[in-house]
């Protein structure tokens, strides 16, 4: 075991000494994950989670007006309050809700009130509809609270502000829950897709390029031949080379997961509730692709050709495995293709944990499939390494 570890650590030192390799290991995966996460939305595909901005000019300031705005904010509307003077000077207005003076007093007195929603030309109609729906919902709740506060009050008398406030802070007697109907399901998008996708792709890319090129170069310049003259067996050499590539992958994965956890804490980036389990799954995946890189390097004497083959294989498996887009949205034949490559099974497992709330213990088929790929690739690596 000591000889295997020594060979593995030697390969790690050589890789970390290469600035280009370090960039592909640590920097570019984070850049690509951030870019694709932002481009593809970085948020939820649930329509009930839609967000919209709203400028509010509150000329009233009473308890009813404040309750209306708090209700809107609780529904995901990003509210920016401006005074009438600030509104006139602002050039960034999109939608503006104007609450008239005396609004709270009029509502409590049972008098009809008018809210004005002003939209600038060329603004998003979809966002405007979201805001309108949220305003109508808030108004309906406000009416219900006003009616409840008016219980026991003479019809000719206004409702007191205290009675309305008591109703606002009381617990709701009825709650409504909504969910998707039919067979349609949400699919991962934003960072829930880009983080696992880029992790799977770049771990494989480094293993199949630098790993393959290193083995090919060592074979071409006679390093493997000299190594076999040392007091080590061929099995120890293969195990050490695989271990070296796996340690490189483990370093990549650890940095990637740690940055994801930090981004979740600071910016709310979605990495799921099980980052440790995600780390373990990726470590298993790294152990799968490490011997594949060794096998590719053993098949070619030219390091450049080995690296090019590694790039092409990585791009193909990333595309068909669901690293670039959710595999849930592709046709059935392509879903079947994804089950023939390790990246497809890794993405199934990561999506299960990050987007669909599955535990590592629920991923039996994915773990077994990855273990099977690892065994086959290790056998190929053993047969491909030659010292001639």
Protein backbone atom coordinates (compact mmCIF):
# COMPACT_ATOMS: atom_id res chain seq x y z
CA UNK A 1 0.00 0.00 0.00
CA UNK A 2 2.86 2.41 0.81
CA UNK A 3 4.24 2.03 -2.71
CA UNK A 4 0.80 2.67 -4.25
CA UNK A 5 0.39 5.83 -2.17
CA UNK A 6 3.87 7.05 -3.13
CA UNK A 7 3.10 6.67 -6.85
CA UNK A 8 -0.26 8.40 -6.40
CA UNK A 9 1.21 11.37 -4.49
CA UNK A 10 3.96 11.73 -7.08
CA UNK A 11 1.32 12.06 -9.82
CA UNK A 12 -0.55 14.62 -7.71
CA UNK A 13 2.58 16.76 -7.26
CA UNK A 14 3.27 16.67 -11.00
CA UNK A 15 -0.28 17.74 -11.81
CA UNK A 16 -0.33 20.61 -9.29
CA UNK A 17 2.99 21.85 -10.69
CA UNK A 18 1.26 22.44 -14.04
CA UNK A 19 -0.46 25.86 -13.97
CA UNK A 20 -2.70 24.94 -16.87
CA UNK A 21 -3.88 21.82 -15.07
CA UNK A 22 -4.59 23.81 -11.91
CA UNK A 23 -6.69 26.29 -13.90
CA UNK A 24 -8.75 23.49 -15.47
CA UNK A 25 -9.09 21.77 -12.10
CA UNK A 26 -10.22 24.64 -9.90
CA UNK A 27 -10.89 27.93 -11.71
CA UNK A 28 -12.73 27.09 -14.93
CA UNK A 29 -15.31 24.75 -13.34
CA UNK A 30 -16.41 27.57 -11.01
CA UNK A 31 -16.51 30.10 -13.86
CA UNK A 32 -18.58 27.82 -16.09
CA UNK A 33 -20.93 26.81 -13.26
CA UNK A 34 -21.56 30.46 -12.38
CA UNK A 35 -22.08 31.50 -16.00
CA UNK A 36 -24.50 28.71 -16.90
CA UNK A 37 -26.28 29.01 -13.56
CA UNK A 38 -27.03 32.68 -14.22
CA UNK A 39 -27.86 32.18 -17.90
CA UNK A 40 -30.35 29.40 -17.23
CA UNK A 41 -32.15 31.30 -14.52
CA UNK A 42 -30.54 30.36 -11.23
CA UNK A 43 -33.96 29.99 -9.68
CA UNK A 44 -37.02 27.83 -9.36
CA UNK A 45 -39.10 26.51 -12.25
CA UNK A 46 -42.21 26.62 -10.08
CA UNK A 47 -44.50 29.40 -11.41
CA UNK A 48 -45.70 30.17 -7.90
CA UNK A 49 -42.15 31.30 -7.09
CA UNK A 50 -42.11 34.00 -9.81
CA UNK A 51 -40.58 37.28 -8.62
CA UNK A 52 -41.41 40.82 -9.71
CA UNK A 53 -40.38 44.31 -8.64
CA UNK A 54 -42.82 47.04 -7.61
CA UNK A 55 -42.34 50.68 -6.70
CA UNK A 56 -44.82 51.99 -4.11
CA UNK A 57 -45.79 55.56 -3.33
CA UNK A 58 -47.65 55.39 0.01
CA UNK A 59 -49.48 58.69 0.53
CA UNK A 60 -51.40 57.18 3.45
CA UNK A 61 -49.06 55.42 5.86
CA UNK A 62 -51.93 54.00 7.92
CA UNK A 63 -52.27 50.51 9.37
CA UNK A 64 -54.28 49.17 6.45
CA UNK A 65 -51.80 50.46 3.85
CA UNK A 66 -48.88 48.99 5.79
CA UNK A 67 -50.66 45.64 6.10
CA UNK A 68 -51.25 45.62 2.33
CA UNK A 69 -47.56 46.21 1.61
CA UNK A 70 -46.41 43.59 4.11
CA UNK A 71 -48.75 41.09 2.48
CA UNK A 72 -47.32 41.89 -0.96
CA UNK A 73 -43.75 41.50 0.30
CA UNK A 74 -44.68 38.13 1.80
CA UNK A 75 -45.81 36.98 -1.65
CA UNK A 76 -42.39 37.54 -3.21
CA UNK A 77 -42.92 41.07 -4.57
CA UNK A 78 -39.75 43.16 -4.29
CA UNK A 79 -41.06 46.49 -3.02
CA UNK A 80 -39.22 49.80 -3.27
CA UNK A 81 -40.96 52.68 -1.45
CA UNK A 82 -40.55 56.22 -2.72
CA UNK A 83 -41.98 59.53 -1.63
CA UNK A 84 -43.88 61.55 -4.29
CA UNK A 85 -40.84 63.79 -4.77
CA UNK A 86 -38.46 60.82 -5.12
CA UNK A 87 -40.77 59.24 -7.62
CA UNK A 88 -40.72 62.28 -9.88
CA UNK A 89 -36.91 62.32 -9.85
CA UNK A 90 -36.48 58.57 -10.41
CA UNK A 91 -35.66 57.30 -13.91
CA UNK A 92 -35.74 53.57 -13.12
CA UNK A 93 -39.47 53.08 -12.56
CA UNK A 94 -41.14 50.05 -14.12
CA UNK A 95 -44.38 49.52 -12.19
CA UNK A 96 -45.69 51.87 -9.52
CA UNK A 97 -48.53 51.30 -7.04
CA UNK A 98 -49.96 54.56 -5.72
CA UNK A 99 -51.84 54.38 -2.39
CA UNK A 100 -53.99 57.51 -1.92
CA UNK A 101 -54.05 59.62 1.22
CA UNK A 102 -56.82 58.57 3.61
CA UNK A 103 -56.78 54.99 2.30
CA UNK A 104 -56.65 53.30 5.72
CA UNK A 105 -59.29 55.54 7.23
CA UNK A 106 -61.58 55.04 4.24
CA UNK A 107 -61.26 51.25 4.27
CA UNK A 108 -62.02 51.07 8.01
CA UNK A 109 -65.04 53.34 7.46
CA UNK A 110 -66.36 51.03 4.73
CA UNK A 111 -65.81 53.52 1.94
CA UNK A 112 -64.71 52.49 -1.55
CA UNK A 113 -61.04 53.16 -2.23
CA UNK A 114 -59.04 53.19 -5.46
CA UNK A 115 -55.49 51.91 -5.85
CA UNK A 116 -53.64 52.97 -8.99
CA UNK A 117 -51.08 50.69 -10.66
CA UNK A 118 -49.05 52.56 -13.28
CA UNK A 119 -46.90 50.71 -15.82
CA UNK A 120 -44.19 52.24 -17.93
CA UNK A 121 -44.35 51.56 -21.70
CA UNK A 122 -42.40 48.52 -22.86
CA UNK A 123 -42.25 46.79 -19.47
CA UNK A 124 -42.68 43.04 -19.13
CA UNK A 125 -46.32 42.04 -19.44
CA UNK A 126 -45.63 38.76 -17.64
CA UNK A 127 -44.16 40.57 -14.63
CA UNK A 128 -47.06 43.03 -14.66
CA UNK A 129 -49.54 40.15 -14.54
CA UNK A 130 -47.65 38.61 -11.63
CA UNK A 131 -47.82 41.90 -9.71
CA UNK A 132 -51.52 42.36 -10.49
CA UNK A 133 -52.31 38.85 -9.28
CA UNK A 134 -50.39 39.44 -6.05
CA UNK A 135 -52.15 42.77 -5.50
CA UNK A 136 -55.58 41.19 -6.03
CA UNK A 137 -54.65 38.44 -3.55
CA UNK A 138 -53.51 41.00 -0.97
CA UNK A 139 -56.70 43.05 -1.44
CA UNK A 140 -58.84 39.95 -0.95
CA UNK A 141 -57.06 39.16 2.30
CA UNK A 142 -57.36 42.77 3.40
CA UNK A 143 -61.13 42.71 2.80
CA UNK A 144 -61.42 39.49 4.78
CA UNK A 145 -59.52 40.96 7.71
CA UNK A 146 -61.63 44.11 7.63
CA UNK A 147 -64.85 42.07 7.68
CA UNK A 148 -63.53 40.00 10.60
CA UNK A 149 -62.52 43.13 12.51
CA UNK A 150 -66.01 44.60 11.94
CA UNK A 151 -67.73 41.78 13.82
CA UNK A 152 -69.74 43.29 16.69
CA UNK A 153 -69.40 46.83 15.32
CA UNK A 154 -72.49 48.78 14.30
CA UNK A 155 -72.77 49.07 10.53
CA UNK A 156 -72.67 52.83 10.74
CA UNK A 157 -69.53 52.93 12.89
CA UNK A 158 -66.00 52.66 11.47
CA UNK A 159 -63.70 49.79 12.44
CA UNK A 160 -61.01 50.86 14.87
CA UNK A 161 -57.36 50.61 13.93
CA UNK A 162 -56.73 48.46 17.03
CA UNK A 163 -59.42 45.95 16.06
CA UNK A 164 -57.93 45.67 12.56
CA UNK A 165 -54.41 45.23 13.99
CA UNK A 166 -55.62 42.48 16.35
CA UNK A 167 -57.01 40.55 13.39
CA UNK A 168 -53.80 41.02 11.39
CA UNK A 169 -51.57 39.52 14.10
CA UNK A 170 -53.93 36.61 14.87
CA UNK A 171 -53.39 33.14 13.39
CA UNK A 172 -55.09 32.31 10.09
CA UNK A 173 -57.98 29.88 10.49
CA UNK A 174 -57.66 28.55 6.93
CA UNK A 175 -54.54 27.84 4.87
CA UNK A 176 -54.29 26.83 1.21
CA UNK A 177 -51.55 24.67 -0.32
CA UNK A 178 -50.96 24.32 -4.06
CA UNK A 179 -48.90 21.89 -6.15
CA UNK A 180 -48.40 20.79 -9.74
CA UNK A 181 -51.28 18.78 -11.20
CA UNK A 182 -51.15 16.04 -13.84
CA UNK A 183 -47.98 14.35 -15.04
CA UNK A 184 -45.83 17.45 -15.54
CA UNK A 185 -42.81 17.69 -13.24
CA UNK A 186 -40.32 20.44 -12.54
CA UNK A 187 -36.85 19.92 -13.95
CA UNK A 188 -33.56 21.24 -12.54
CA UNK A 189 -32.43 24.61 -13.85
CA UNK A 190 -30.12 27.45 -12.87
CA UNK A 191 -27.46 26.49 -10.35
CA UNK A 192 -29.29 23.24 -9.52
CA UNK A 193 -28.28 22.14 -13.04
CA UNK A 194 -24.99 23.95 -13.61
CA UNK A 195 -23.27 22.98 -10.33
CA UNK A 196 -23.58 19.19 -10.68
CA UNK A 197 -23.20 19.40 -14.47
CA UNK A 198 -19.91 21.30 -14.41
CA UNK A 199 -18.57 19.21 -11.52
CA UNK A 200 -19.20 15.97 -13.44
CA UNK A 201 -17.83 17.35 -16.70
CA UNK A 202 -14.60 18.90 -15.39
CA UNK A 203 -13.69 15.97 -13.14
CA UNK A 204 -13.98 13.76 -16.20
CA UNK A 205 -12.19 16.27 -18.43
CA UNK A 206 -9.10 16.48 -16.20
CA UNK A 207 -8.99 12.69 -15.75
CA UNK A 208 -9.32 12.00 -19.48
CA UNK A 209 -6.90 14.70 -20.68
CA UNK A 210 -4.12 15.22 -18.14
CA UNK A 211 -4.46 11.67 -16.87
CA UNK A 212 -4.35 10.15 -20.34
CA UNK A 213 -1.60 12.47 -21.61
CA UNK A 214 0.58 11.77 -18.56
CA UNK A 215 0.39 7.99 -18.96
CA UNK A 216 0.98 8.26 -22.70
CA UNK A 217 4.03 10.49 -22.17
CA UNK A 218 5.45 8.21 -19.48
CA UNK A 219 5.09 5.27 -21.81
CA UNK A 220 6.69 7.13 -24.74
CA UNK A 221 9.72 8.45 -22.82
CA UNK A 222 10.38 5.20 -20.99
CA UNK A 223 9.34 6.24 -17.47
CA UNK A 224 6.97 3.32 -17.15
CA UNK A 225 9.71 0.96 -18.31
CA UNK A 226 12.09 2.31 -15.67
CA UNK A 227 9.38 2.11 -13.03
CA UNK A 228 8.77 -1.55 -13.69
CA UNK A 229 12.43 -2.23 -12.82
CA UNK A 230 11.79 -0.91 -9.31
CA UNK A 231 10.60 -3.28 -6.55
CA UNK A 232 6.92 -2.79 -7.49
CA UNK A 233 4.47 -4.99 -9.35
CA UNK A 234 2.43 -3.98 -12.38
CA UNK A 235 -0.71 -4.13 -10.25
CA UNK A 236 0.82 -1.64 -7.80
CA UNK A 237 1.80 0.65 -10.67
CA UNK A 238 -1.73 0.61 -12.10
CA UNK A 239 -3.28 1.09 -8.66
CA UNK A 240 -0.89 3.97 -7.93
CA UNK A 241 -1.69 5.68 -11.24
CA UNK A 242 -5.42 5.29 -10.67
CA UNK A 243 -4.99 6.54 -7.10
CA UNK A 244 -3.10 9.59 -8.34
CA UNK A 245 -5.88 10.54 -10.73
CA UNK A 246 -8.47 9.92 -8.01
CA UNK A 247 -6.64 12.19 -5.54
CA UNK A 248 -6.60 14.91 -8.20
CA UNK A 249 -10.33 14.41 -8.72
CA UNK A 250 -10.92 14.43 -4.96
CA UNK A 251 -9.12 17.78 -4.67
CA UNK A 252 -11.29 19.20 -7.48
CA UNK A 253 -14.47 17.87 -5.91
CA UNK A 254 -13.65 19.10 -2.41
CA UNK A 255 -12.94 22.65 -3.58
CA UNK A 256 -16.05 22.67 -5.77
CA UNK A 257 -18.37 21.47 -2.98
CA UNK A 258 -16.87 23.87 -0.42
CA UNK A 259 -17.36 26.83 -2.76
CA UNK A 260 -20.93 25.67 -3.38
CA UNK A 261 -21.67 25.53 0.35
CA UNK A 262 -20.20 29.02 0.87
CA UNK A 263 -22.21 30.37 -2.09
CA UNK A 264 -25.34 28.82 -0.59
CA UNK A 265 -24.73 30.58 2.74
CA UNK A 266 -23.88 33.95 1.20
CA UNK A 267 -26.08 34.12 -1.91
CA UNK A 268 -28.66 31.37 -1.53
CA UNK A 269 -27.22 29.31 -4.41
CA UNK A 270 -29.04 25.98 -4.54
CA UNK A 271 -26.79 23.03 -3.63
CA UNK A 272 -29.40 20.91 -1.88
CA UNK A 273 -29.63 19.91 1.76
CA UNK A 274 -26.99 17.17 1.58
CA UNK A 275 -23.63 18.65 0.48
CA UNK A 276 -21.67 15.96 2.36
CA UNK A 277 -23.55 13.20 0.58
CA UNK A 278 -23.08 15.01 -2.72
CA UNK A 279 -19.34 15.09 -1.97
CA UNK A 280 -19.33 11.33 -1.33
CA UNK A 281 -21.19 10.61 -4.57
CA UNK A 282 -18.75 12.74 -6.54
CA UNK A 283 -15.81 10.97 -4.90
CA UNK A 284 -17.23 7.67 -6.13
CA UNK A 285 -17.64 9.19 -9.59
CA UNK A 286 -14.00 10.37 -9.47
CA UNK A 287 -12.98 6.79 -8.71
CA UNK A 288 -14.91 5.73 -11.82
CA UNK A 289 -13.34 8.13 -14.34
CA UNK A 290 -9.78 7.92 -12.96
CA UNK A 291 -9.08 4.45 -14.43
CA UNK A 292 -10.74 5.46 -17.70
CA UNK A 293 -8.13 8.22 -18.10
CA UNK A 294 -5.37 5.69 -17.42
CA UNK A 295 -6.88 3.32 -20.01
CA UNK A 296 -7.04 6.02 -22.68
CA UNK A 297 -3.41 6.97 -22.00
CA UNK A 298 -2.35 3.37 -22.27
CA UNK A 299 -3.91 2.99 -25.71
CA UNK A 300 -1.96 5.84 -27.36
CA UNK A 301 1.77 6.55 -27.44
CA UNK A 302 1.27 10.18 -28.55
CA UNK A 303 0.32 12.36 -25.52
CA UNK A 304 -1.39 14.97 -27.71
CA UNK A 305 -3.54 12.35 -29.40
CA UNK A 306 -4.43 10.83 -26.02
CA UNK A 307 -5.45 14.26 -24.68
CA UNK A 308 -7.52 15.03 -27.80
CA UNK A 309 -9.34 11.71 -27.53
CA UNK A 310 -9.98 12.51 -23.88
CA UNK A 311 -11.49 15.89 -24.75
CA UNK A 312 -13.78 14.41 -27.41
CA UNK A 313 -14.89 11.59 -25.12
CA UNK A 314 -15.57 14.05 -22.31
CA UNK A 315 -17.64 16.38 -24.49
CA UNK A 316 -19.71 13.48 -25.82
CA UNK A 317 -20.37 12.00 -22.38
CA UNK A 318 -21.10 15.45 -20.90
CA UNK A 319 -23.69 16.18 -23.59
CA UNK A 320 -25.41 12.80 -23.54
CA UNK A 321 -25.08 12.48 -19.77
CA UNK A 322 -27.02 15.66 -18.99
CA UNK A 323 -24.19 17.96 -17.91
CA UNK A 324 -25.19 20.75 -20.32
CA UNK A 325 -28.96 20.48 -19.99
CA UNK A 326 -31.31 18.54 -17.70
CA UNK A 327 -31.61 14.96 -18.92
CA UNK A 328 -35.26 15.17 -17.79
CA UNK A 329 -36.14 17.35 -20.80
CA UNK A 330 -34.64 15.21 -23.60
CA UNK A 331 -36.35 12.50 -25.62
CA UNK A 332 -36.69 8.93 -24.38
CA UNK A 333 -33.97 7.52 -26.70
CA UNK A 334 -31.44 10.05 -25.35
CA UNK A 335 -32.44 9.19 -21.79
CA UNK A 336 -31.64 5.57 -22.60
CA UNK A 337 -28.25 6.64 -24.03
CA UNK A 338 -27.49 8.47 -20.77
CA UNK A 339 -27.78 5.17 -18.93
CA UNK A 340 -24.89 3.72 -20.93
CA UNK A 341 -22.30 6.22 -19.65
CA UNK A 342 -21.08 7.07 -16.12
CA UNK A 343 -21.86 10.78 -16.41
CA UNK A 344 -25.55 9.98 -16.92
CA UNK A 345 -25.73 7.95 -13.72
CA UNK A 346 -23.76 10.56 -11.77
CA UNK A 347 -26.13 13.31 -12.91
CA UNK A 348 -29.18 11.20 -12.02
CA UNK A 349 -27.83 10.80 -8.51
CA UNK A 350 -26.88 14.46 -8.07
CA UNK A 351 -30.22 15.70 -9.38
CA UNK A 352 -31.93 13.28 -7.04
CA UNK A 353 -30.16 14.79 -4.03
CA UNK A 354 -30.08 18.47 -5.03
CA UNK A 355 -33.44 18.94 -6.77
CA UNK A 356 -35.67 16.06 -5.70
CA UNK A 357 -34.77 15.57 -2.04
CA UNK A 358 -33.44 12.02 -2.30
CA UNK A 359 -30.99 10.63 0.24
CA UNK A 360 -27.77 8.83 -0.67
CA UNK A 361 -29.33 5.63 0.65
CA UNK A 362 -32.11 6.04 -1.95
CA UNK A 363 -29.63 5.97 -4.83
CA UNK A 364 -28.96 2.24 -4.92
CA UNK A 365 -29.22 1.85 -8.75
CA UNK A 366 -27.00 4.88 -9.36
CA UNK A 367 -24.33 3.72 -6.91
CA UNK A 368 -24.32 0.17 -8.30
CA UNK A 369 -24.07 1.44 -11.88
CA UNK A 370 -21.11 3.69 -11.04
CA UNK A 371 -19.38 0.85 -9.18
CA UNK A 372 -19.85 -1.39 -12.22
CA UNK A 373 -18.36 1.24 -14.54
CA UNK A 374 -15.43 1.64 -12.17
CA UNK A 375 -14.72 -2.10 -12.16
CA UNK A 376 -14.83 -2.30 -15.97
CA UNK A 377 -12.62 0.78 -16.43
CA UNK A 378 -10.10 -0.54 -13.87
CA UNK A 379 -9.85 -3.79 -15.83
CA UNK A 380 -9.32 -1.81 -19.05
CA UNK A 381 -6.62 0.28 -17.36
CA UNK A 382 -4.80 -2.85 -16.20
CA UNK A 383 -4.86 -4.34 -19.68
CA UNK A 384 -3.95 -1.11 -21.50
CA UNK A 385 -0.77 -0.15 -19.61
CA UNK A 386 2.29 -1.54 -21.34
CA UNK A 387 5.93 -0.84 -20.57
CA UNK A 388 7.38 -1.61 -24.00
